[in-house]
Each structure stands twice: as structure tokens, then as C-alpha cells.
Amino acid sequence: MVTFYGSSLLDASVPAGEELSIKGASRPGLVTKNGLVIFGNDGKMVLVRNLQFEDGKMIPASKYFSVDEKATLELTEEEKKMAEDIR
């Protein structure tokens, strides 16, 4: 279950974006740089800016397909020595 926040009608042409299948929708939504565009049964578009998931986590809708990566910094032996010298 996902809750939509910050929605508004979109009166522009259909923007470019990555398709997102939405259960029960007549056509897929689009994840764009501005948010998630969903289509009503009347063909009108709604732009959703934020999504909240069941666990309470909220993300910008434009970041739906982004991978939540956490990089780990690996130091070489020389860099480790330099870090110790700096400390």
C-alpha cells in the first residue's frame, strides 16, 4: 500500500518518464523528474510529488526507481596510514 502526497492536476502534454504499472489503473503511470504522473478514467493527469509506504518511509515520487545505495569506503594501506597520521 502506498499513499500519495502533494498531488495536483497536470494540464500539460504527457511528460517523458519511466512507466510504472499500477494495479487497477487503465494505463500505467509515469515516473518523471517532477514526480509520478497518474491518469484518471477521464484521461486527465495528476502529478504526485511524494509517496509514503506502509512502513512510514516517504520518498519523492521522482526517485521511485532510484536505488537506495550506501557506499562503503575502502582505504588502501597507504591511505589508512595517512588517516592515522592525520588523527
Protein backbone atom coordinates (compact mmCIF):
# COMPACT_ATOMS: atom_id res chain seq x y z
CA MET A 1 0.00 0.00 0.00
CA VAL A 2 1.29 3.43 -0.97
CA THR A 3 -0.17 6.83 -0.01
CA PHE A 4 0.15 9.79 -2.39
CA TYR A 5 1.02 13.27 -1.07
CA GLY A 6 1.29 16.64 -2.78
CA SER A 7 -0.85 15.93 -5.84
CA SER A 8 -2.11 18.44 -8.38
CA LEU A 9 -3.82 18.36 -11.77
CA LEU A 10 -1.43 18.47 -14.69
CA ASP A 11 -2.67 20.44 -17.71
CA ALA A 12 0.37 19.96 -19.93
CA SER A 13 1.23 17.39 -22.57
CA VAL A 14 2.16 13.90 -21.40
CA PRO A 15 5.71 14.17 -19.99
CA ALA A 16 8.52 11.72 -20.68
CA GLY A 17 9.14 9.20 -17.95
CA GLU A 18 9.57 5.59 -16.95
CA GLU A 19 6.35 3.55 -16.94
CA LEU A 20 5.03 2.20 -13.64
CA SER A 21 2.29 -0.44 -13.63
CA ILE A 22 -0.48 0.49 -11.18
CA LYS A 23 -2.96 -2.21 -10.18
CA GLY A 24 -6.48 -1.29 -11.29
CA ALA A 25 -5.40 1.63 -13.48
CA SER A 26 -6.44 1.75 -17.13
CA ARG A 27 -2.90 2.77 -18.13
CA PRO A 28 0.50 2.80 -16.43
CA GLY A 29 1.73 5.81 -14.50
CA LEU A 30 4.91 7.66 -15.41
CA VAL A 31 7.78 8.38 -13.04
CA THR A 32 9.16 11.71 -14.25
CA LYS A 33 11.74 14.19 -12.98
CA ASN A 34 8.88 16.12 -11.30
CA GLY A 35 7.08 13.17 -9.71
CA LEU A 36 4.63 10.39 -10.55
CA VAL A 37 2.04 11.13 -13.23
CA ILE A 38 -1.12 9.03 -12.92
CA PHE A 39 -4.04 9.01 -15.33
CA GLY A 40 -7.68 9.18 -14.32
CA ASN A 41 -10.51 7.34 -16.04
CA ASP A 42 -11.36 10.66 -17.72
CA GLY A 43 -7.88 10.82 -19.28
CA LYS A 44 -6.75 13.74 -17.10
CA MET A 45 -3.37 13.60 -15.44
CA VAL A 46 -2.47 14.07 -11.77
CA LEU A 47 1.11 14.77 -10.67
CA VAL A 48 2.04 13.21 -7.31
CA ARG A 49 5.14 14.65 -5.64
CA ASN A 50 5.66 12.29 -2.65
CA LEU A 51 4.98 8.64 -1.86
CA GLN A 52 4.64 7.11 1.60
CA PHE A 53 4.99 3.35 2.04
CA GLU A 54 3.36 1.11 4.66
CA ASP A 55 6.48 1.23 6.85
CA GLY A 56 6.14 5.05 7.08
CA LYS A 57 9.08 5.81 4.79
CA MET A 58 8.37 8.77 2.50
CA ILE A 59 10.30 9.47 -0.71
CA PRO A 60 9.98 11.94 -3.58
CA ALA A 61 7.92 10.21 -6.28
CA SER A 62 10.56 11.17 -8.86
CA LYS A 63 13.03 8.90 -7.02
CA TYR A 64 10.80 5.78 -7.13
CA PHE A 65 13.15 3.82 -9.40
CA SER A 66 16.34 5.10 -7.75
CA VAL A 67 18.34 2.51 -5.86
CA ASP A 68 18.94 3.34 -2.21
CA GLU A 69 22.64 2.58 -2.15
CA LYS A 70 25.05 3.12 0.67
CA ALA A 71 28.64 3.14 -0.46
CA THR A 72 31.40 1.76 1.69
CA LEU A 73 34.73 3.49 1.59
CA GLU A 74 37.67 1.09 1.30
CA LEU A 75 41.08 2.61 2.07
CA THR A 76 44.39 1.28 0.81
CA GLU A 77 47.14 0.59 3.34
CA GLU A 78 48.80 3.88 2.38
CA GLU A 79 45.55 5.78 2.88
CA LYS A 80 44.97 4.07 6.24
CA LYS A 81 48.42 5.19 7.38
CA MET A 82 47.73 8.73 6.19
CA ALA A 83 44.41 8.73 8.09
CA GLU A 84 46.21 7.66 11.28
CA ASP A 85 48.85 10.37 10.79
CA ILE A 86 46.13 12.99 10.39
CA ARG A 87 44.36 11.82 13.58
